[in-house]
């Protein structure tokens, strides 16, 4: 079954603690405090209980995605999120947050500088601690409050926090009960003074990136993770806000067949951020050819920011992109990916 209490915690970073060997299940611990003065501990896995033990990691230090516009601007504490598309919930497979092929495995904690996962986390969390305007958003599962139990790491009372700050679908059979869609965990850090967001995404090497749309379970025969450049057809551009009077056009999406062979697009479709479909014209797309598909309702390109996902006839994701409101509201301009 999916996580019981999924959501996002927003707070200011007050402290952090690195854990490594000899801890059995080391975490990177973060102490957050919300605007009401309530303390929370964010427990971030840095080592898997299942081989291969090193976690996959990706940091985007200029993260741009429409979901950031849906998050509270200040350190408002815990917010429960519905596990559904169209809102602020995260899904590494369906949300087009980043390119999974860009993730790299990192050891949890090694001697030296900038050579392990704890170092990467430390770099941004220590900056957040030093910046009183920075807000840390931790997505995952809530525990507590525990009125009679002090936090075991930072000592505050009541014990309170968030864990499962990583991908939460496509698990191996041992952890299959934790599978679900639109309930992945991550860290986002907003640095207002720099007008940017940092996104930190973690996954276990044992997890699959082809998962059932309802259960989040790994699909049989699916690859563990897509490799770089494996998509035969890619979304390369979108005209979100056509020039002219409002409502005069619905925009378009441009596809490229990057493979060396024709691809039959019969049964293929595009899906917008709210799950609305746009069937593609049937017939082959020649090798190296492009196809511009008019956006016709109910599929819609929202100029307030959105995602576009390309699915094959089996309903499996082939490619996906996202664009922000700033990109989508440039009238007449085509967004390139």
Protein backbone atom coordinates (compact mmCIF):
# COMPACT_ATOMS: atom_id res chain seq x y z
CA UNK A 1 0.00 0.00 0.00
CA UNK A 2 1.21 3.59 -0.52
CA UNK A 3 2.57 5.84 2.21
CA UNK A 4 -0.04 6.59 4.88
CA UNK A 5 0.75 10.27 5.44
CA UNK A 6 2.41 11.85 2.40
CA UNK A 7 3.13 15.55 2.10
CA UNK A 8 5.71 18.30 2.31
CA UNK A 9 7.36 19.98 5.28
CA UNK A 10 8.47 23.61 4.88
CA UNK A 11 10.87 25.05 7.44
CA UNK A 12 14.08 26.91 8.10
CA UNK A 13 17.23 24.85 8.54
CA UNK A 14 18.60 25.09 12.10
CA UNK A 15 21.11 22.24 12.28
CA UNK A 16 22.31 19.08 10.55
CA UNK A 17 24.00 15.83 11.52
CA UNK A 18 25.97 13.42 9.34
CA UNK A 19 25.79 9.70 10.03
CA UNK A 20 28.08 7.03 8.61
CA UNK A 21 29.68 3.77 9.66
CA UNK A 22 29.25 2.12 12.12
CA UNK A 23 25.55 3.12 11.86
CA UNK A 24 23.52 0.21 10.44
CA UNK A 25 21.24 2.47 8.38
CA UNK A 26 22.97 5.86 8.18
CA UNK A 27 20.98 8.99 7.40
CA UNK A 28 21.73 12.63 6.85
CA UNK A 29 19.68 14.37 9.55
CA UNK A 30 18.28 17.90 9.19
CA UNK A 31 16.66 19.98 11.94
CA UNK A 32 13.94 22.24 10.53
CA UNK A 33 11.85 24.81 12.41
CA UNK A 34 8.56 26.19 11.09
CA UNK A 35 7.20 29.73 11.50
CA UNK A 36 5.36 28.70 14.71
CA UNK A 37 8.61 27.50 16.29
CA UNK A 38 7.81 23.78 15.96
CA UNK A 39 10.85 21.56 15.39
CA UNK A 40 11.06 18.65 12.97
CA UNK A 41 13.76 16.16 11.98
CA UNK A 42 14.17 15.22 8.32
CA UNK A 43 15.86 11.81 8.01
CA UNK A 44 17.44 11.44 4.56
CA UNK A 45 18.71 7.98 3.58
CA UNK A 46 22.31 7.92 2.38
CA UNK A 47 22.68 4.11 2.16
CA UNK A 48 20.33 1.35 1.02
CA UNK A 49 19.59 -1.78 3.06
CA UNK A 50 19.60 -3.71 -0.23
CA UNK A 51 22.50 -4.13 -2.66
CA UNK A 52 23.69 -2.18 -4.54
CA UNK A 53 23.80 -0.07 -1.39
CA UNK A 54 24.89 3.28 -2.84
CA UNK A 55 22.00 5.63 -3.60
CA UNK A 56 21.38 7.29 -6.94
CA UNK A 57 21.59 11.07 -6.63
CA UNK A 58 20.89 14.12 -8.72
CA UNK A 59 21.16 17.76 -7.69
CA UNK A 60 19.74 20.51 -9.88
CA UNK A 61 21.05 23.81 -8.50
CA UNK A 62 18.76 25.81 -10.78
CA UNK A 63 15.58 23.76 -10.54
CA UNK A 64 12.71 25.11 -12.64
CA UNK A 65 9.35 23.36 -12.61
CA UNK A 66 5.72 24.53 -12.34
CA UNK A 67 5.22 22.73 -9.01
CA UNK A 68 7.34 25.34 -7.19
CA UNK A 69 4.57 27.88 -7.79
CA UNK A 70 2.19 25.64 -5.80
CA UNK A 71 4.30 25.54 -2.64
CA UNK A 72 3.79 27.90 0.32
CA UNK A 73 6.18 30.89 0.22
CA UNK A 74 7.23 30.67 3.87
CA UNK A 75 8.20 28.02 6.44
CA UNK A 76 4.61 26.97 7.14
CA UNK A 77 5.32 23.51 8.57
CA UNK A 78 3.64 20.30 7.44
CA UNK A 79 1.16 20.16 4.54
CA UNK A 80 -0.49 16.89 3.56
CA UNK A 81 -0.64 16.40 -0.22
CA UNK A 82 -3.04 14.29 -2.28
CA UNK A 83 -1.15 11.67 -4.29
CA UNK A 84 -2.53 12.82 -7.63
CA UNK A 85 -1.37 14.73 -10.72
CA UNK A 86 -1.93 18.45 -11.13
CA UNK A 87 -0.79 19.49 -7.65
CA UNK A 88 2.45 19.70 -5.68
CA UNK A 89 2.92 15.93 -5.16
CA UNK A 90 6.10 14.47 -6.66
CA UNK A 91 6.39 11.54 -9.04
CA UNK A 92 9.83 10.76 -10.47
CA UNK A 93 8.33 8.72 -13.34
CA UNK A 94 5.31 10.85 -14.29
CA UNK A 95 6.19 14.36 -13.08
CA UNK A 96 9.02 15.15 -15.52
CA UNK A 97 11.13 16.57 -12.70
CA UNK A 98 14.55 15.59 -14.11
CA UNK A 99 16.29 13.15 -16.44
CA UNK A 100 16.70 9.81 -14.58
CA UNK A 101 19.67 8.94 -16.80
CA UNK A 102 21.58 11.84 -15.23
CA UNK A 103 21.50 10.29 -11.74
CA UNK A 104 24.76 8.95 -10.35
CA UNK A 105 25.52 6.52 -7.51
CA UNK A 106 27.42 8.01 -4.57
CA UNK A 107 28.88 6.41 -1.42
CA UNK A 108 27.31 7.63 1.84
CA UNK A 109 30.30 9.10 3.69
CA UNK A 110 34.01 8.95 2.81
CA UNK A 111 37.13 10.75 4.00
CA UNK A 112 37.91 13.73 1.82
CA UNK A 113 36.03 16.64 0.32
CA UNK A 114 33.03 16.57 -2.05
CA UNK A 115 33.26 12.86 -2.78
CA UNK A 116 30.16 11.38 -1.14
CA UNK A 117 26.42 11.88 -0.72
CA UNK A 118 26.69 13.49 2.71
CA UNK A 119 29.09 16.08 1.24
CA UNK A 120 26.58 16.97 -1.49
CA UNK A 121 23.75 17.36 1.01
CA UNK A 122 25.98 19.28 3.42
CA UNK A 123 26.91 21.82 0.77
CA UNK A 124 23.34 23.04 0.31
CA UNK A 125 21.97 22.46 3.81
CA UNK A 126 24.80 24.43 5.44
CA UNK A 127 24.10 27.26 3.01
CA UNK A 128 20.44 27.13 4.04
CA UNK A 129 21.41 27.24 7.73
CA UNK A 130 23.51 30.34 7.07
CA UNK A 131 20.76 32.08 5.09
CA UNK A 132 17.82 33.19 7.30
CA UNK A 133 15.63 33.66 4.22
CA UNK A 134 16.15 30.14 2.83
CA UNK A 135 13.26 27.65 3.09
CA UNK A 136 13.75 23.89 2.93
CA UNK A 137 10.90 21.74 1.57
CA UNK A 138 11.12 18.06 2.51
CA UNK A 139 8.74 15.72 0.67
CA UNK A 140 8.03 12.34 2.24
CA UNK A 141 6.06 10.63 5.01
CA UNK A 142 5.30 12.33 8.33
CA UNK A 143 5.83 10.76 11.72
CA UNK A 144 4.76 12.17 15.09
CA UNK A 145 4.23 14.31 16.95
CA UNK A 146 5.32 12.11 19.87
CA UNK A 147 4.44 14.18 23.00
CA UNK A 148 6.49 12.11 25.47
CA UNK A 149 9.50 11.31 23.29
CA UNK A 150 12.44 13.60 22.67
CA UNK A 151 13.97 13.51 19.23
CA UNK A 152 16.81 10.98 19.28
CA UNK A 153 19.17 13.16 17.22
CA UNK A 154 18.49 16.82 18.11
CA UNK A 155 16.74 16.37 21.48
CA UNK A 156 13.70 18.59 20.91
CA UNK A 157 10.26 17.71 22.31
CA UNK A 158 7.91 16.43 20.98
CA UNK A 159 9.59 14.06 18.54
CA UNK A 160 8.42 14.97 15.07
CA UNK A 161 9.61 14.65 11.51
CA UNK A 162 9.66 13.35 7.94
CA UNK A 163 11.30 10.31 6.37
CA UNK A 164 11.11 8.41 3.04
CA UNK A 165 12.75 11.41 1.38
CA UNK A 166 13.46 9.42 -1.78
CA UNK A 167 11.72 7.64 -4.65
CA UNK A 168 8.81 5.59 -3.28
CA UNK A 169 7.73 3.35 -6.17
CA UNK A 170 9.15 0.51 -8.27
CA UNK A 171 10.57 -1.17 -5.17
CA UNK A 172 11.88 -4.71 -5.00
CA UNK A 173 9.58 -7.35 -3.50
CA UNK A 174 11.04 -6.77 -0.03
CA UNK A 175 9.76 -3.15 0.05
CA UNK A 176 6.83 -3.51 -2.35
CA UNK A 177 4.31 -2.48 0.31
CA UNK A 178 5.71 1.07 0.20
CA UNK A 179 4.94 1.50 -3.51
CA UNK A 180 2.63 4.25 -4.72
CA UNK A 181 2.30 6.87 -7.43
CA UNK A 182 2.62 10.63 -6.85
CA UNK A 183 4.26 10.15 -3.46
CA UNK A 184 7.99 10.40 -4.10
CA UNK A 185 10.26 12.20 -1.66
CA UNK A 186 12.89 14.88 -2.29
CA UNK A 187 14.44 18.07 -0.93
CA UNK A 188 13.77 21.44 -2.53
CA UNK A 189 15.52 24.53 -1.16
CA UNK A 190 14.41 28.05 -2.01
CA UNK A 191 17.05 30.76 -1.83
CA UNK A 192 15.04 33.99 -2.31
CA UNK A 193 18.12 36.20 -2.39
CA UNK A 194 19.41 34.27 -5.39
CA UNK A 195 15.94 33.93 -6.96
CA UNK A 196 16.40 30.24 -7.46
CA UNK A 197 15.53 26.76 -6.26
CA UNK A 198 17.79 23.77 -5.63
CA UNK A 199 16.35 20.28 -6.15
CA UNK A 200 17.92 17.18 -4.56
CA UNK A 201 16.55 13.82 -5.74
CA UNK A 202 17.45 10.35 -4.43
CA UNK A 203 16.55 6.81 -5.50
CA UNK A 204 17.67 3.27 -4.74
CA UNK A 205 19.48 1.35 -7.46
CA UNK A 206 17.13 -1.59 -6.88
CA UNK A 207 14.06 0.46 -7.91
CA UNK A 208 12.43 0.24 -11.35
CA UNK A 209 11.53 3.30 -13.42
CA UNK A 210 8.67 1.60 -15.27
CA UNK A 211 5.81 1.32 -12.79
CA UNK A 212 2.09 0.62 -12.75
CA UNK A 213 0.01 3.82 -12.94
CA UNK A 214 -2.25 2.69 -10.08
CA UNK A 215 -0.10 0.66 -7.68
CA UNK A 216 3.38 2.02 -8.38
CA UNK A 217 4.66 -1.56 -8.55
CA UNK A 218 7.53 -2.36 -10.94
CA UNK A 219 6.35 -3.65 -14.31
CA UNK A 220 7.67 -7.07 -15.36
CA UNK A 221 10.63 -6.90 -17.68
CA UNK A 222 11.08 -3.16 -17.25
CA UNK A 223 14.62 -1.74 -17.16
CA UNK A 224 15.90 -0.56 -13.81
CA UNK A 225 16.54 2.92 -15.20
CA UNK A 226 16.50 4.44 -18.69
CA UNK A 227 19.92 5.15 -20.13
CA UNK A 228 21.00 8.42 -21.72
CA UNK A 229 19.58 9.06 -25.18
CA UNK A 230 17.49 5.87 -25.28
CA UNK A 231 14.23 7.60 -26.23
CA UNK A 232 13.53 6.94 -29.92
CA UNK A 233 11.09 9.86 -30.08
CA UNK A 234 11.60 13.01 -28.03
CA UNK A 235 9.59 16.15 -27.29
CA UNK A 236 11.83 18.96 -28.53
CA UNK A 237 9.58 22.05 -28.48
CA UNK A 238 6.16 23.44 -27.59
CA UNK A 239 4.33 26.60 -28.63
CA UNK A 240 2.38 27.29 -25.44
CA UNK A 241 0.99 30.79 -26.05
CA UNK A 242 0.42 31.47 -29.79
CA UNK A 243 0.57 35.07 -30.99
CA UNK A 244 -2.75 36.80 -31.50
CA UNK A 245 -5.94 37.42 -29.53
CA UNK A 246 -6.54 35.29 -26.45
CA UNK A 247 -8.19 32.01 -27.36
CA UNK A 248 -7.22 32.25 -31.03
CA UNK A 249 -5.08 29.12 -30.90
CA UNK A 250 -4.22 26.16 -28.71
CA UNK A 251 -0.50 25.87 -29.47
CA UNK A 252 1.44 22.81 -30.58
CA UNK A 253 4.01 20.21 -29.57
CA UNK A 254 6.97 19.24 -31.77
CA UNK A 255 8.44 15.73 -31.75
CA UNK A 256 11.72 14.42 -33.17
CA UNK A 257 12.48 10.83 -34.14
CA UNK A 258 16.10 10.64 -32.98
CA UNK A 259 16.45 6.95 -33.84
CA UNK A 260 17.92 5.54 -37.09
CA UNK A 261 14.66 3.82 -38.07
CA UNK A 262 11.04 4.89 -38.70
CA UNK A 263 8.71 4.74 -35.69
CA UNK A 264 5.04 3.87 -36.15
CA UNK A 265 3.09 6.33 -33.99
CA UNK A 266 -0.17 4.37 -34.07
CA UNK A 267 -1.52 4.28 -30.51
CA UNK A 268 0.99 6.85 -29.20
CA UNK A 269 -0.30 9.87 -27.25
CA UNK A 270 0.71 13.01 -25.43
CA UNK A 271 -0.52 13.69 -21.88
CA UNK A 272 -0.70 17.08 -20.17
CA UNK A 273 -0.14 17.85 -16.49
CA UNK A 274 -3.74 17.03 -15.58
CA UNK A 275 -3.71 13.66 -17.36
CA UNK A 276 -5.61 14.75 -20.50
CA UNK A 277 -4.70 12.86 -23.68
CA UNK A 278 -3.82 13.96 -27.20
CA UNK A 279 -3.62 10.99 -29.65
CA UNK A 280 -0.85 11.32 -32.23
CA UNK A 281 -1.51 11.03 -35.97
CA UNK A 282 -1.18 7.43 -37.07
CA UNK A 283 1.60 6.42 -39.41
CA UNK A 284 5.40 6.24 -39.43
CA UNK A 285 7.67 9.06 -38.38
CA UNK A 286 10.80 8.77 -40.49
CA UNK A 287 14.27 8.60 -38.95
CA UNK A 288 15.46 12.12 -38.15
CA UNK A 289 12.07 13.63 -39.01
CA UNK A 290 10.06 16.08 -36.91
CA UNK A 291 6.31 16.22 -36.39
CA UNK A 292 4.40 19.24 -35.09
CA UNK A 293 1.13 18.21 -33.44
CA UNK A 294 -1.59 20.83 -32.86
CA UNK A 295 -2.79 20.91 -29.24
CA UNK A 296 -6.50 20.13 -29.42
CA UNK A 297 -8.87 19.89 -26.43
CA UNK A 298 -9.20 18.32 -23.98
CA UNK A 299 -5.36 18.30 -24.02
CA UNK A 300 -4.15 21.77 -23.05
CA UNK A 301 -0.87 23.68 -22.80
CA UNK A 302 -1.35 25.83 -19.71
CA UNK A 303 0.60 29.08 -19.95
CA UNK A 304 0.87 29.05 -16.14
CA UNK A 305 3.37 26.17 -16.40
CA UNK A 306 2.90 22.50 -17.13
CA UNK A 307 4.29 19.14 -18.18
CA UNK A 308 4.08 17.18 -21.44
CA UNK A 309 4.55 13.41 -21.47
CA UNK A 310 4.87 11.08 -24.46
CA UNK A 311 3.43 7.57 -24.03
CA UNK A 312 3.76 4.55 -26.33
CA UNK A 313 0.85 2.22 -27.24
CA UNK A 314 1.42 0.21 -24.03
CA UNK A 315 1.01 3.38 -21.97
CA UNK A 316 4.70 3.45 -21.01
CA UNK A 317 6.52 6.75 -20.77
CA UNK A 318 8.94 7.40 -23.61
CA UNK A 319 9.87 11.01 -22.84
CA UNK A 320 8.67 13.93 -20.76
CA UNK A 321 9.36 17.64 -20.31
CA UNK A 322 8.19 20.53 -18.15
CA UNK A 323 7.96 24.30 -18.56
CA UNK A 324 7.38 27.15 -16.13
CA UNK A 325 4.91 30.04 -16.22
CA UNK A 326 7.73 32.40 -17.24
CA UNK A 327 8.45 30.21 -20.27
CA UNK A 328 4.81 29.59 -21.14
CA UNK A 329 3.72 33.25 -21.08
CA UNK A 330 6.10 34.51 -23.78
CA UNK A 331 3.50 35.12 -26.44
CA UNK A 332 4.44 33.68 -29.81
CA UNK A 333 7.67 32.14 -28.55
CA UNK A 334 8.32 28.42 -28.83
CA UNK A 335 9.74 26.73 -25.72
CA UNK A 336 12.60 24.39 -26.58
CA UNK A 337 13.64 21.38 -24.48
